[in-house]
Amino acid sequence: MKKWKKTILFLLIAAVLFLGGGYAAYKGYRHVRQVRLVKQAKGYLEKSQDRQAVLSLQRALKFNSRDVEATRLMAELAERAGSQSALLWRSKVVALNPQSTDDRLALTRTAMIARDLLVATNALEGVTAEGKKTAGYQNIAGTVAAAMNQVSSAESHFLEAARLEPTNPVPVLNLSVVRLQSTNSQVLAEARTALRQLAATPAHRCQALRELLGDAIRHDQTNDALTLSRDLVQQTNSLFRDKIMRLNVLKVTANPAFKPTLAAYQRDAATNAASAYEMANWLMTSSGPADALAWLHTFPLSTQTNQPAALQIAQCQTALKDWRSLQATLSKQFWGDLELVRHAYLARAMRGQDLLDSSKTEWEQALKAANGTKEGMVMLLRMAAVWDWGSESEELLWSIFNRYPAEKWAFQTLLQVLYNTGRTRPLMTLFSQESKRNPADLSLKNNLAMTAMLLEAQELKPFDLAREVYEKAPTNSSFVGTYAFSLHLQKKNAEALQLMQKIPAKDLERPSTAGYYGVILTASGNKQKAKPYLDLAAKGPMLPEEKKLFDRARSAP
């Protein structure tokens, strides 16, 4: 019997060793195959065989979905194709490689092309302290600041970039671009001179001409704009967006060359996905969605059903509120990485036809396709906001807030939404959750105490919270007001009034503080003095519970 048991034990050990070795060999095979596929994709890219490169990378990512290099190459291919999925792929790269400054700057550049300042600023915020000491970071940070109309901040970044790389003309060019916005004639003249000098150098000619052209358009210098736009599109390294600028100038000046130039550029755009995307966008804004859709429908059917044309057709049909056509167009398509967007548009098409159950099903499919990723949920959030879908937007904001606590914008947006809609209870929940994450933040505790008192949520011990916040910052007017209100609720009106009278007069006149001062004055028997403060409170935004509180004080005998 013992011999039998030993035999079984030996066989079990042998089986485990065999299986372990087999699995290790399998893992090794997967790794070798994956590396080979990525190398193969690079070879295809060098030959501009993008479709074959995508197929190789898709297979490589099936072996390892966390392969940074393969994900990065997918982002580059998406950018070359002009696809909105580029932003998703760049975001995935950063999620896999969050400490990489280069990948964060690449995400920022992609976000700027997509005009997504939220993603751009978030990407920059995550750059390490060492990364922020580089000229590359300073240049892109300056570009983002300029896009947000933060001129002084943009100048500071570009000056720092110039200090870090004194022989690099790029920061000088960027600084000149910012100074083109100046109202000082001398600064403006110097910026134009610097750009003209840079336009004489082949490496920077196109960018300098673009900026000078933009300056000429802003100042209605039509002759200069016509000359500059002509010179720009004649450069061998000009971009298709330079042709779009040329079209704008020709159209604004009612130039007879506009129609033949438009036809020529449309023919050029039809052969390149990224150029077609730019042309369709321009047609939507300059001529309207009907013209853009008509042009997109001239493409071969195979092109219309692929990205980015399929997305633009959906955008045009949505703008035209042609819900049946939108549904029919999308129902038989597959958008790969952008399936979440296709399902979202289908949800919009269904709701436009009052097919609410079908719309809900499609929206759920969109959420499922987003798979809880921050990038996917942000994309859906942006669409829901454009369509004014309040409940869907709020649901997504809560999901982002709960899953990704580092995304502070989600908290701030939710705060604004809940406050503006008078949703005090979910507002209290928001403050409670955020306060647990940041227990040292006194403002969060103060807001939690105030909402809890308004809702009589004694389980949160708001009186203790109010006292704690006040004791740690006794000169903060908001904290003093909250603590005084807590004393009022505890029938300690004399102490409450004494505290409120320590608040500076200018702070007492803020609507958010004035109302509580009026309540405490009324409770202390000084209704006449309370009236102007209660009137001040009525001029500002307030929660429903605050309105009832102040109205009750105003009508007190």
Protein backbone atom coordinates (compact mmCIF):
# COMPACT_ATOMS: atom_id res chain seq x y z
CA MET A 1 0.00 0.00 0.00
CA LYS A 2 2.81 2.38 0.91
CA LYS A 3 4.52 1.59 -2.38
CA TRP A 4 1.27 2.42 -4.21
CA LYS A 5 0.98 5.78 -2.42
CA LYS A 6 4.61 6.60 -3.29
CA THR A 7 3.91 5.79 -6.94
CA ILE A 8 0.89 8.12 -6.97
CA LEU A 9 2.90 10.85 -5.26
CA PHE A 10 5.71 10.49 -7.82
CA LEU A 11 3.24 10.68 -10.70
CA LEU A 12 1.61 13.78 -9.25
CA ILE A 13 4.97 15.52 -8.82
CA ALA A 14 5.99 14.54 -12.33
CA ALA A 15 2.70 15.83 -13.74
CA VAL A 16 3.11 19.15 -11.94
CA LEU A 17 6.66 19.53 -13.20
CA PHE A 18 5.57 18.63 -16.73
CA LEU A 19 2.66 21.04 -16.69
CA GLY A 20 4.83 23.79 -15.22
CA GLY A 21 7.47 23.24 -17.86
CA GLY A 22 4.83 23.12 -20.55
CA TYR A 23 3.26 26.40 -19.39
CA ALA A 24 6.67 28.07 -19.19
CA ALA A 25 7.41 26.88 -22.71
CA TYR A 26 4.02 28.19 -23.85
CA LYS A 27 4.69 31.58 -22.23
CA GLY A 28 8.07 31.63 -23.92
CA TYR A 29 6.45 30.87 -27.28
CA ARG A 30 3.90 33.66 -26.79
CA HIS A 31 6.65 36.15 -25.92
CA VAL A 32 8.80 35.21 -28.91
CA ARG A 33 5.77 35.34 -31.21
CA GLN A 34 4.73 38.71 -29.82
CA VAL A 35 8.20 40.22 -30.29
CA ARG A 36 8.29 38.89 -33.84
CA LEU A 37 4.89 40.41 -34.64
CA VAL A 38 5.92 43.85 -33.33
CA LYS A 39 9.11 43.67 -35.40
CA GLN A 40 7.03 42.66 -38.41
CA ALA A 41 4.72 45.63 -37.84
CA LYS A 42 7.68 48.00 -37.81
CA GLY A 43 8.77 46.60 -41.15
CA TYR A 44 5.33 47.23 -42.60
CA LEU A 45 5.38 50.79 -41.23
CA GLU A 46 8.69 51.50 -42.96
CA LYS A 47 7.04 50.45 -46.23
CA SER A 48 3.89 52.52 -45.44
CA GLN A 49 1.84 49.32 -45.41
CA ASP A 50 -0.35 50.53 -42.57
CA ARG A 51 -3.12 47.93 -42.89
CA GLN A 52 -0.68 45.03 -42.57
CA ALA A 53 1.02 46.80 -39.64
CA VAL A 54 -2.32 47.12 -37.82
CA LEU A 55 -3.07 43.41 -38.29
CA SER A 56 0.35 42.43 -36.92
CA LEU A 57 -0.04 44.71 -33.92
CA GLN A 58 -3.56 43.45 -33.19
CA ARG A 59 -2.20 39.89 -33.11
CA ALA A 60 0.71 40.97 -30.90
CA LEU A 61 -1.68 42.63 -28.45
CA LYS A 62 -3.72 39.43 -28.24
CA PHE A 63 -0.60 37.73 -26.89
CA ASN A 64 0.02 40.61 -24.46
CA SER A 65 -2.50 43.46 -24.21
CA ARG A 66 -0.07 45.38 -21.97
CA ASP A 67 2.74 45.59 -24.53
CA VAL A 68 3.77 49.27 -24.40
CA GLU A 69 5.60 49.32 -27.73
CA ALA A 70 2.74 47.68 -29.64
CA THR A 71 0.24 50.05 -28.02
CA ARG A 72 2.40 53.03 -28.89
CA LEU A 73 2.65 51.92 -32.52
CA MET A 74 -1.15 51.55 -32.65
CA ALA A 75 -1.43 55.16 -31.46
CA GLU A 76 0.92 56.33 -34.20
CA LEU A 77 -1.05 54.44 -36.86
CA ALA A 78 -4.33 55.88 -35.59
CA GLU A 79 -2.86 59.38 -35.81
CA ARG A 80 -1.71 58.78 -39.37
CA ALA A 81 -5.23 57.65 -40.27
CA GLY A 82 -6.79 60.70 -38.61
CA SER A 83 -8.82 58.46 -36.30
CA GLN A 84 -10.22 59.63 -32.97
CA SER A 85 -9.03 56.32 -31.52
CA ALA A 86 -5.52 57.87 -31.44
CA LEU A 87 -6.48 59.58 -28.19
CA LEU A 88 -7.58 56.25 -26.70
CA TRP A 89 -4.36 54.52 -27.71
CA ARG A 90 -2.15 57.35 -26.43
CA SER A 91 -4.05 57.28 -23.15
CA LYS A 92 -3.51 53.51 -22.90
CA VAL A 93 0.23 54.00 -23.41
CA VAL A 94 0.35 56.47 -20.51
CA ALA A 95 -1.73 54.13 -18.34
CA LEU A 96 0.82 51.36 -19.02
CA ASN A 97 3.84 53.63 -18.70
CA PRO A 98 2.78 56.52 -16.41
CA GLN A 99 6.30 57.67 -15.51
CA SER A 100 7.34 58.23 -19.13
CA THR A 101 7.66 61.93 -19.90
CA ASP A 102 7.86 61.29 -23.66
CA ASP A 103 4.61 59.31 -23.67
CA ARG A 104 2.81 61.96 -21.63
CA LEU A 105 3.98 64.70 -23.99
CA ALA A 106 2.86 62.60 -26.97
CA LEU A 107 -0.58 62.22 -25.37
CA THR A 108 -0.71 65.98 -24.81
CA ARG A 109 0.10 66.69 -28.46
CA THR A 110 -2.56 64.23 -29.63
CA ALA A 111 -5.10 65.78 -27.26
CA MET A 112 -4.30 69.24 -28.59
CA ILE A 113 -4.90 68.06 -32.17
CA ALA A 114 -8.26 66.70 -30.97
CA ARG A 115 -8.88 70.02 -29.15
CA ASP A 116 -9.26 68.11 -25.87
CA LEU A 117 -7.79 70.48 -23.28
CA LEU A 118 -8.98 68.31 -20.38
CA VAL A 119 -6.91 65.31 -21.47
CA ALA A 120 -3.99 67.59 -22.39
CA THR A 121 -3.84 69.29 -18.99
CA ASN A 122 -4.27 65.99 -17.12
CA ALA A 123 -1.44 64.43 -19.10
CA LEU A 124 0.86 67.35 -18.27
CA GLU A 125 -0.03 67.30 -14.58
CA GLY A 126 1.29 63.75 -14.34
CA VAL A 127 4.76 64.60 -15.67
CA THR A 128 7.44 63.98 -13.05
CA ALA A 129 9.42 66.80 -11.44
CA GLU A 130 12.46 65.84 -13.54
CA GLY A 131 10.37 65.71 -16.70
CA LYS A 132 9.16 69.25 -16.08
CA LYS A 133 12.75 70.46 -16.21
CA THR A 134 13.02 69.60 -19.91
CA ALA A 135 12.58 71.95 -22.84
CA GLY A 136 10.14 69.52 -24.43
CA TYR A 137 7.79 69.78 -21.45
CA GLN A 138 8.10 73.57 -21.28
CA ASN A 139 7.28 73.94 -24.98
CA ILE A 140 4.15 71.78 -24.92
CA ALA A 141 3.03 73.25 -21.57
CA GLY A 142 3.34 76.70 -23.13
CA THR A 143 1.26 75.60 -26.11
CA VAL A 144 -1.50 74.30 -23.81
CA ALA A 145 -1.42 77.49 -21.74
CA ALA A 146 -1.70 79.58 -24.92
CA ALA A 147 -4.69 77.52 -26.06
CA MET A 148 -6.33 78.26 -22.70
CA ASN A 149 -5.61 81.98 -23.24
CA GLN A 150 -3.19 82.01 -20.28
CA VAL A 151 -0.75 84.33 -22.02
CA SER A 152 1.60 85.09 -19.11
CA SER A 153 1.88 81.40 -18.24
CA ALA A 154 2.61 80.52 -21.87
CA GLU A 155 5.33 83.16 -22.03
CA SER A 156 6.93 81.82 -18.84
CA HIS A 157 7.04 78.28 -20.25
CA PHE A 158 8.53 79.36 -23.58
CA LEU A 159 11.13 81.57 -21.87
CA GLU A 160 12.16 78.62 -19.72
CA ALA A 161 12.37 76.39 -22.80
CA ALA A 162 14.60 78.99 -24.47
CA ARG A 163 16.82 79.09 -21.37
CA LEU A 164 17.15 75.30 -21.37
CA GLU A 165 17.92 75.16 -25.11
CA PRO A 166 19.37 78.55 -26.07
CA THR A 167 20.32 77.44 -29.61
CA ASN A 168 16.89 75.96 -30.41
CA PRO A 169 14.73 78.40 -32.42
CA VAL A 170 11.45 76.59 -31.55
CA PRO A 171 10.92 78.35 -28.18
CA VAL A 172 11.67 81.68 -29.89
CA LEU A 173 9.04 80.88 -32.51
CA ASN A 174 6.50 79.88 -29.85
CA LEU A 175 7.21 83.00 -27.82
CA SER A 176 6.70 85.15 -30.91
CA VAL A 177 3.36 83.42 -31.55
CA VAL A 178 2.14 84.27 -28.05
CA ARG A 179 3.28 87.87 -28.42
CA LEU A 180 1.26 88.22 -31.62
CA GLN A 181 -1.71 88.53 -29.25
CA SER A 182 -0.20 91.64 -27.63
CA THR A 183 -1.91 95.01 -27.83
CA ASN A 184 1.49 96.71 -27.50
CA SER A 185 2.47 97.82 -31.01
CA GLN A 186 6.20 97.48 -30.34
CA VAL A 187 5.89 93.94 -28.94
CA LEU A 188 3.67 93.00 -31.87
CA ALA A 189 6.15 94.41 -34.40
CA GLU A 190 9.05 92.54 -32.78
CA ALA A 191 7.08 89.28 -32.86
CA ARG A 192 6.32 89.71 -36.57
CA THR A 193 9.96 90.49 -37.34
CA ALA A 194 11.12 87.38 -35.49
CA LEU A 195 8.66 85.20 -37.41
CA ARG A 196 9.70 86.68 -40.77
CA GLN A 197 13.31 85.85 -39.92
CA LEU A 198 12.34 82.29 -39.01
CA ALA A 199 10.34 82.00 -42.25
CA ALA A 200 13.64 82.44 -44.10
CA THR A 201 14.96 79.17 -42.62
CA PRO A 202 13.72 75.96 -44.34
CA ALA A 203 13.25 74.02 -41.09
CA HIS A 204 10.82 76.55 -39.61
CA ARG A 205 9.42 78.23 -42.72
CA CYS A 206 6.02 76.53 -42.70
CA GLN A 207 5.27 77.12 -39.04
CA ALA A 208 6.39 80.75 -39.22
CA LEU A 209 4.25 81.32 -42.33
CA ARG A 210 1.23 79.73 -40.58
CA GLU A 211 1.54 82.09 -37.66
CA LEU A 212 2.06 85.14 -39.84
CA LEU A 213 -0.98 84.07 -41.87
CA GLY A 214 -3.09 83.71 -38.72
CA ASP A 215 -1.95 87.17 -37.64
CA ALA A 216 -2.88 88.66 -41.02
CA ILE A 217 -6.35 87.08 -40.85
CA ARG A 218 -6.96 88.41 -37.32
CA HIS A 219 -6.06 91.92 -38.41
CA ASP A 220 -8.05 91.78 -41.69
CA GLN A 221 -4.90 92.19 -43.78
CA THR A 222 -6.44 90.36 -46.74
CA ASN A 223 -3.69 91.02 -49.30
CA ASP A 224 -1.02 89.73 -46.91
CA ALA A 225 -3.24 86.74 -46.06
CA LEU A 226 -3.64 85.82 -49.75
CA THR A 227 0.11 86.06 -50.37
CA LEU A 228 1.09 84.16 -47.21
CA SER A 229 -1.46 81.37 -47.78
CA ARG A 230 -0.26 80.95 -51.38
CA ASP A 231 3.37 80.77 -50.25
CA LEU A 232 2.50 78.31 -47.49
CA VAL A 233 0.71 75.70 -49.64
CA GLN A 234 3.55 75.83 -52.16
CA GLN A 235 6.05 74.54 -49.59
CA THR A 236 6.98 70.89 -50.08
CA ASN A 237 6.54 70.13 -46.36
CA SER A 238 3.24 71.99 -45.91
CA LEU A 239 0.29 70.16 -44.33
CA PHE A 240 -3.24 69.66 -45.51
CA ARG A 241 -4.48 72.04 -42.82
CA ASP A 242 -2.48 74.74 -44.62
CA LYS A 243 -4.74 74.15 -47.61
CA ILE A 244 -7.73 74.58 -45.32
CA MET A 245 -6.33 77.95 -44.21
CA ARG A 246 -5.92 78.89 -47.88
CA LEU A 247 -9.57 77.97 -48.52
CA ASN A 248 -10.68 80.16 -45.62
CA VAL A 249 -8.82 83.15 -47.03
CA LEU A 250 -10.17 82.61 -50.54
CA LYS A 251 -13.73 82.25 -49.25
CA VAL A 252 -13.61 85.31 -46.97
CA THR A 253 -12.19 87.47 -49.76
CA ALA A 254 -14.74 86.09 -52.30
CA ASN A 255 -11.78 85.24 -54.53
CA PRO A 256 -12.75 83.68 -57.90
CA ALA A 257 -10.13 80.98 -57.29
CA PHE A 258 -12.15 79.60 -54.37
CA LYS A 259 -14.37 77.08 -56.22
CA PRO A 260 -11.66 75.52 -58.44
CA THR A 261 -9.27 75.41 -55.45
CA LEU A 262 -11.93 73.73 -53.28
CA ALA A 263 -12.55 71.10 -55.99
CA ALA A 264 -8.82 70.41 -56.31
CA TYR A 265 -8.32 70.10 -52.56
CA GLN A 266 -11.34 67.80 -52.27
CA ARG A 267 -9.79 65.50 -54.86
CA ASP A 268 -6.54 65.49 -52.88
CA ALA A 269 -8.35 64.82 -49.60
CA ALA A 270 -10.29 61.86 -50.98
CA THR A 271 -7.06 59.86 -51.29
CA ASN A 272 -5.96 60.30 -47.66
CA ALA A 273 -8.02 59.47 -44.56
CA ALA A 274 -6.49 62.16 -42.35
CA SER A 275 -6.92 64.83 -45.03
CA ALA A 276 -10.50 63.70 -45.66
CA TYR A 277 -11.20 64.13 -41.95
CA GLU A 278 -9.92 67.71 -42.03
CA MET A 279 -11.83 68.54 -45.19
CA ALA A 280 -15.10 67.13 -43.82
CA ASN A 281 -14.66 69.09 -40.59
CA TRP A 282 -14.06 72.27 -42.57
CA LEU A 283 -17.14 71.68 -44.72
CA MET A 284 -19.27 71.11 -41.60
CA THR A 285 -18.24 74.42 -40.07
CA SER A 286 -18.06 76.54 -43.21
CA SER A 287 -20.89 75.16 -45.35
CA GLY A 288 -22.92 73.01 -42.98
CA PRO A 289 -23.42 69.28 -42.32
CA ALA A 290 -25.50 68.73 -45.47
CA ASP A 291 -22.60 69.76 -47.75
CA ALA A 292 -20.12 67.73 -45.72
CA LEU A 293 -22.37 64.67 -45.89
CA ALA A 294 -22.89 65.04 -49.61
CA TRP A 295 -19.12 65.11 -50.14
CA LEU A 296 -18.53 62.10 -47.86
CA HIS A 297 -21.16 60.15 -49.80
CA THR A 298 -19.05 60.54 -52.95
CA PHE A 299 -16.48 58.18 -51.42
CA PRO A 300 -16.48 54.45 -52.28
CA LEU A 301 -18.75 52.48 -49.92
CA SER A 302 -15.76 50.69 -48.40
CA THR A 303 -14.28 54.08 -47.40
CA GLN A 304 -17.58 55.39 -46.02
CA THR A 305 -17.88 52.44 -43.64
CA ASN A 306 -14.31 52.77 -42.30
CA GLN A 307 -12.79 55.29 -39.93
CA PRO A 308 -12.66 58.24 -39.86
CA ALA A 309 -15.27 58.75 -42.62
CA ALA A 310 -17.87 56.58 -40.84
CA LEU A 311 -17.64 58.74 -37.72
CA GLN A 312 -17.95 61.95 -39.69
CA ILE A 313 -21.01 60.67 -41.55
CA ALA A 314 -22.57 59.89 -38.15
CA GLN A 315 -21.71 63.39 -36.92
CA CYS A 316 -23.32 64.97 -39.99
CA GLN A 317 -26.48 62.87 -39.69
CA THR A 318 -26.69 63.75 -35.99
CA ALA A 319 -26.33 67.46 -36.75
CA LEU A 320 -29.11 67.11 -39.36
CA LYS A 321 -31.25 65.09 -36.89
CA ASP A 322 -31.71 62.44 -39.56
CA TRP A 323 -32.22 59.71 -36.98
CA ARG A 324 -33.49 56.97 -39.29
CA SER A 325 -30.57 57.33 -41.67
CA LEU A 326 -28.18 57.41 -38.71
CA GLN A 327 -29.64 54.17 -37.37
CA ALA A 328 -29.58 52.50 -40.79
CA THR A 329 -26.00 53.62 -41.43
CA LEU A 330 -24.62 52.40 -38.12
CA SER A 331 -26.55 49.18 -37.60
CA LYS A 332 -24.44 47.05 -39.94
CA GLN A 333 -21.06 48.61 -39.19
CA PHE A 334 -18.21 47.70 -36.84
CA TRP A 335 -15.88 50.43 -35.59
CA GLY A 336 -13.26 48.35 -33.78
CA ASP A 337 -11.64 50.50 -31.08
CA LEU A 338 -14.48 53.02 -31.42
CA GLU A 339 -17.36 50.58 -30.95
CA LEU A 340 -18.34 52.49 -27.82
CA VAL A 341 -18.84 55.60 -29.99
CA ARG A 342 -20.91 53.69 -32.56
CA HIS A 343 -23.22 52.33 -29.86
CA ALA A 344 -23.52 55.83 -28.37
CA TYR A 345 -24.59 57.26 -31.73
CA LEU A 346 -27.08 54.42 -32.12
CA ALA A 347 -28.47 55.31 -28.69
CA ARG A 348 -28.86 58.90 -29.91
CA ALA A 349 -30.60 57.75 -33.08
CA MET A 350 -33.03 55.60 -31.09
CA ARG A 351 -33.86 58.37 -28.64
CA GLY A 352 -34.40 60.77 -31.52
CA GLN A 353 -37.16 58.41 -32.67
CA ASP A 354 -38.58 58.02 -29.13
CA LEU A 355 -37.43 54.37 -29.02
CA LEU A 356 -36.38 54.77 -25.41
CA ASP A 357 -35.88 51.09 -24.50
CA SER A 358 -33.72 50.52 -27.56
CA SER A 359 -31.79 53.71 -26.78
CA LYS A 360 -31.12 52.48 -23.25
CA THR A 361 -29.90 49.13 -24.57
CA GLU A 362 -27.48 50.79 -27.00
CA TRP A 363 -26.17 53.14 -24.31
CA GLU A 364 -25.54 50.14 -22.06
CA GLN A 365 -23.62 48.55 -24.94
CA ALA A 366 -21.56 51.73 -25.23
CA LEU A 367 -20.74 51.58 -21.51
CA LYS A 368 -19.84 47.92 -21.83
CA ALA A 369 -17.51 48.68 -24.75
CA ALA A 370 -15.83 51.40 -22.68
CA ASN A 371 -14.98 48.59 -20.25
CA GLY A 372 -14.51 50.94 -17.31
CA THR A 373 -11.52 52.68 -18.89
CA LYS A 374 -11.09 56.33 -18.06
CA GLU A 375 -10.51 57.26 -21.70
CA GLY A 376 -13.66 55.50 -22.89
CA MET A 377 -15.84 56.97 -20.17
CA VAL A 378 -14.51 60.48 -20.83
CA MET A 379 -15.30 60.07 -24.53
CA LEU A 380 -18.86 59.01 -23.72
CA LEU A 381 -19.17 61.81 -21.16
CA ARG A 382 -18.26 64.38 -23.77
CA MET A 383 -20.90 63.01 -26.16
CA ALA A 384 -23.59 62.90 -23.45
CA ALA A 385 -22.79 66.49 -22.48
CA VAL A 386 -23.07 67.71 -26.09
CA TRP A 387 -26.46 65.98 -26.37
CA ASP A 388 -27.57 67.42 -23.02
CA TRP A 389 -28.12 63.95 -21.54
CA GLY A 390 -28.05 64.92 -17.88
CA SER A 391 -28.60 61.58 -16.16
CA GLU A 392 -26.10 59.74 -18.40
CA SER A 393 -23.52 62.48 -17.85
CA GLU A 394 -23.97 62.33 -14.10
CA GLU A 395 -23.73 58.54 -14.07
CA LEU A 396 -20.44 58.72 -15.97
CA LEU A 397 -19.09 61.44 -13.69
CA TRP A 398 -19.83 59.30 -10.62
CA SER A 399 -18.12 56.31 -12.27
CA ILE A 400 -15.01 58.32 -13.09
CA PHE A 401 -15.00 59.89 -9.62
CA ASN A 402 -15.25 56.49 -7.92
CA ARG A 403 -12.83 54.60 -10.16
CA TYR A 404 -10.21 57.28 -10.73
CA PRO A 405 -9.81 59.43 -7.61
CA ALA A 406 -6.80 61.24 -9.09
CA GLU A 407 -9.07 62.87 -11.69
CA LYS A 408 -9.94 65.93 -9.61
CA TRP A 409 -11.89 67.50 -12.47
CA ALA A 410 -14.55 64.79 -12.03
CA PHE A 411 -15.11 65.88 -8.43
CA GLN A 412 -15.25 69.55 -9.39
CA THR A 413 -17.67 68.90 -12.27
CA LEU A 414 -19.94 66.77 -10.11
CA LEU A 415 -19.85 69.43 -7.42
CA GLN A 416 -20.96 72.07 -9.90
CA VAL A 417 -23.69 69.87 -11.41
CA LEU A 418 -25.16 68.85 -8.03
CA TYR A 419 -25.02 72.38 -6.62
CA ASN A 420 -26.58 73.97 -9.70
CA THR A 421 -29.42 71.44 -9.66
CA GLY A 422 -30.00 71.76 -5.90
CA ARG A 423 -29.15 68.11 -5.15
CA THR A 424 -28.10 68.48 -1.53
CA ARG A 425 -28.12 64.80 -0.49
CA PRO A 426 -25.88 63.50 -3.30
CA LEU A 427 -23.76 66.62 -2.72
CA MET A 428 -23.31 65.54 0.91
CA THR A 429 -22.35 62.04 -0.30
CA LEU A 430 -19.78 63.58 -2.66
CA PHE A 431 -18.20 65.62 0.14
CA SER A 432 -18.21 62.58 2.42
CA GLN A 433 -16.41 60.35 -0.07
CA GLU A 434 -13.86 63.00 -1.05
CA SER A 435 -13.23 63.87 2.58
CA LYS A 436 -12.38 60.23 3.32
CA ARG A 437 -9.81 60.36 0.55
CA ASN A 438 -8.39 63.69 1.76
CA PRO A 439 -8.91 63.76 5.54
CA ALA A 440 -6.62 66.77 5.97
CA ASP A 441 -8.69 68.98 3.64
CA LEU A 442 -10.58 71.36 5.95
CA SER A 443 -12.73 72.84 3.17
CA LEU A 444 -14.15 69.40 2.39
CA LYS A 445 -14.95 68.80 6.07
CA ASN A 446 -16.53 72.23 6.31
CA ASN A 447 -18.77 71.58 3.29
CA LEU A 448 -19.65 68.14 4.62
CA ALA A 449 -20.60 69.62 7.99
CA MET A 450 -22.79 72.30 6.38
CA THR A 451 -24.68 69.93 4.05
CA ALA A 452 -25.14 67.41 6.86
CA MET A 453 -26.62 70.12 9.10
CA LEU A 454 -28.97 71.28 6.33
CA LEU A 455 -30.16 67.68 5.92
CA GLU A 456 -30.18 66.95 9.66
CA ALA A 457 -27.81 64.03 9.03
CA GLN A 458 -26.68 63.71 12.65
CA GLU A 459 -25.11 60.31 11.93
CA LEU A 460 -22.21 62.21 10.33
CA LYS A 461 -21.67 64.22 13.54
CA PRO A 462 -21.72 67.59 11.76
CA PHE A 463 -21.46 69.63 14.99
CA ASP A 464 -18.17 67.90 15.83
CA LEU A 465 -16.91 68.44 12.28
CA ALA A 466 -17.80 72.14 12.36
CA ARG A 467 -16.00 72.62 15.66
CA GLU A 468 -12.92 70.68 14.47
CA VAL A 469 -12.60 72.79 11.31
CA TYR A 470 -13.08 76.05 13.21
CA GLU A 471 -10.49 75.17 15.85
CA LYS A 472 -7.90 74.39 13.17
CA ALA A 473 -8.54 77.61 11.19
CA PRO A 474 -10.36 80.12 13.46
CA THR A 475 -9.75 83.07 11.11
CA ASN A 476 -11.38 81.52 8.06
CA SER A 477 -14.71 83.30 7.57
CA SER A 478 -16.44 80.31 5.96
CA PHE A 479 -15.37 77.99 8.76
CA VAL A 480 -16.47 80.53 11.39
CA GLY A 481 -19.88 80.82 9.72
CA THR A 482 -20.35 77.04 9.65
CA TYR A 483 -19.42 76.67 13.31
CA ALA A 484 -21.71 79.56 14.26
CA PHE A 485 -24.58 77.88 12.40
CA SER A 486 -23.91 74.66 14.30
CA LEU A 487 -24.12 76.59 17.58
CA HIS A 488 -27.41 78.14 16.41
CA LEU A 489 -28.83 74.68 15.75
CA GLN A 490 -27.80 73.72 19.28
CA LYS A 491 -29.79 76.71 20.63
CA LYS A 492 -26.60 78.60 21.52
CA ASN A 493 -27.54 81.77 19.69
CA ALA A 494 -25.57 84.17 21.89
CA GLU A 495 -22.32 82.30 21.19
CA ALA A 496 -23.24 82.00 17.52
CA LEU A 497 -23.85 85.73 17.19
CA GLN A 498 -20.62 86.54 18.99
CA LEU A 499 -18.70 84.38 16.51
CA MET A 500 -20.39 85.86 13.45
CA GLN A 501 -19.54 89.37 14.57
CA LYS A 502 -15.85 88.45 14.38
CA ILE A 503 -16.17 87.96 10.61
CA PRO A 504 -14.93 90.98 8.56
CA ALA A 505 -17.76 93.16 7.23
CA LYS A 506 -16.90 92.48 3.55
CA ASP A 507 -17.10 88.72 4.16
CA LEU A 508 -20.44 89.08 5.93
CA GLU A 509 -21.82 90.66 2.77
CA ARG A 510 -21.08 87.59 0.68
CA PRO A 511 -24.46 85.96 -0.11
CA SER A 512 -23.29 82.55 1.14
CA THR A 513 -22.41 84.02 4.56
CA ALA A 514 -24.98 86.82 4.75
CA GLY A 515 -27.94 84.43 4.85
CA TYR A 516 -26.61 82.57 7.89
CA TYR A 517 -25.82 85.84 9.66
CA GLY A 518 -29.41 86.93 8.97
CA VAL A 519 -30.75 83.64 10.42
CA ILE A 520 -28.68 84.03 13.59
CA LEU A 521 -29.61 87.71 13.95
CA THR A 522 -33.30 86.81 13.62
CA ALA A 523 -32.98 84.05 16.21
CA SER A 524 -31.27 86.57 18.52
CA GLY A 525 -34.24 88.95 18.26
CA ASN A 526 -32.72 91.47 15.84
CA LYS A 527 -34.95 91.01 12.79
CA GLN A 528 -34.50 94.57 11.53
CA LYS A 529 -30.73 94.18 11.28
CA ALA A 530 -31.16 90.73 9.76
CA LYS A 531 -33.28 91.91 6.79
CA PRO A 532 -30.53 93.41 4.58
CA TYR A 533 -28.39 90.30 5.06
CA LEU A 534 -31.23 87.99 4.16
CA ASP A 535 -31.89 90.17 1.10
CA LEU A 536 -28.22 89.82 0.12
CA ALA A 537 -28.47 86.03 0.42
CA ALA A 538 -31.41 86.01 -2.01
CA LYS A 539 -29.14 87.49 -4.72
CA GLY A 540 -26.77 84.53 -4.72
CA PRO A 541 -27.11 80.84 -5.60
CA MET A 542 -28.32 78.59 -2.80
CA LEU A 543 -29.46 75.06 -2.06
CA PRO A 544 -33.19 74.35 -1.57
CA GLU A 545 -32.69 73.78 2.17
CA GLU A 546 -30.91 77.12 2.45
CA LYS A 547 -33.76 78.89 0.66
CA LYS A 548 -36.29 77.42 3.10
CA LEU A 549 -34.07 78.38 6.03
CA PHE A 550 -33.66 81.98 4.87
CA ASP A 551 -37.33 82.35 3.87
CA ARG A 552 -38.37 81.13 7.31
CA ALA A 553 -36.10 83.70 8.95
CA ARG A 554 -37.48 86.44 6.68
CA SER A 555 -41.09 85.60 7.60
CA ALA A 556 -40.43 85.18 11.32
CA PRO A 557 -42.67 87.39 13.54
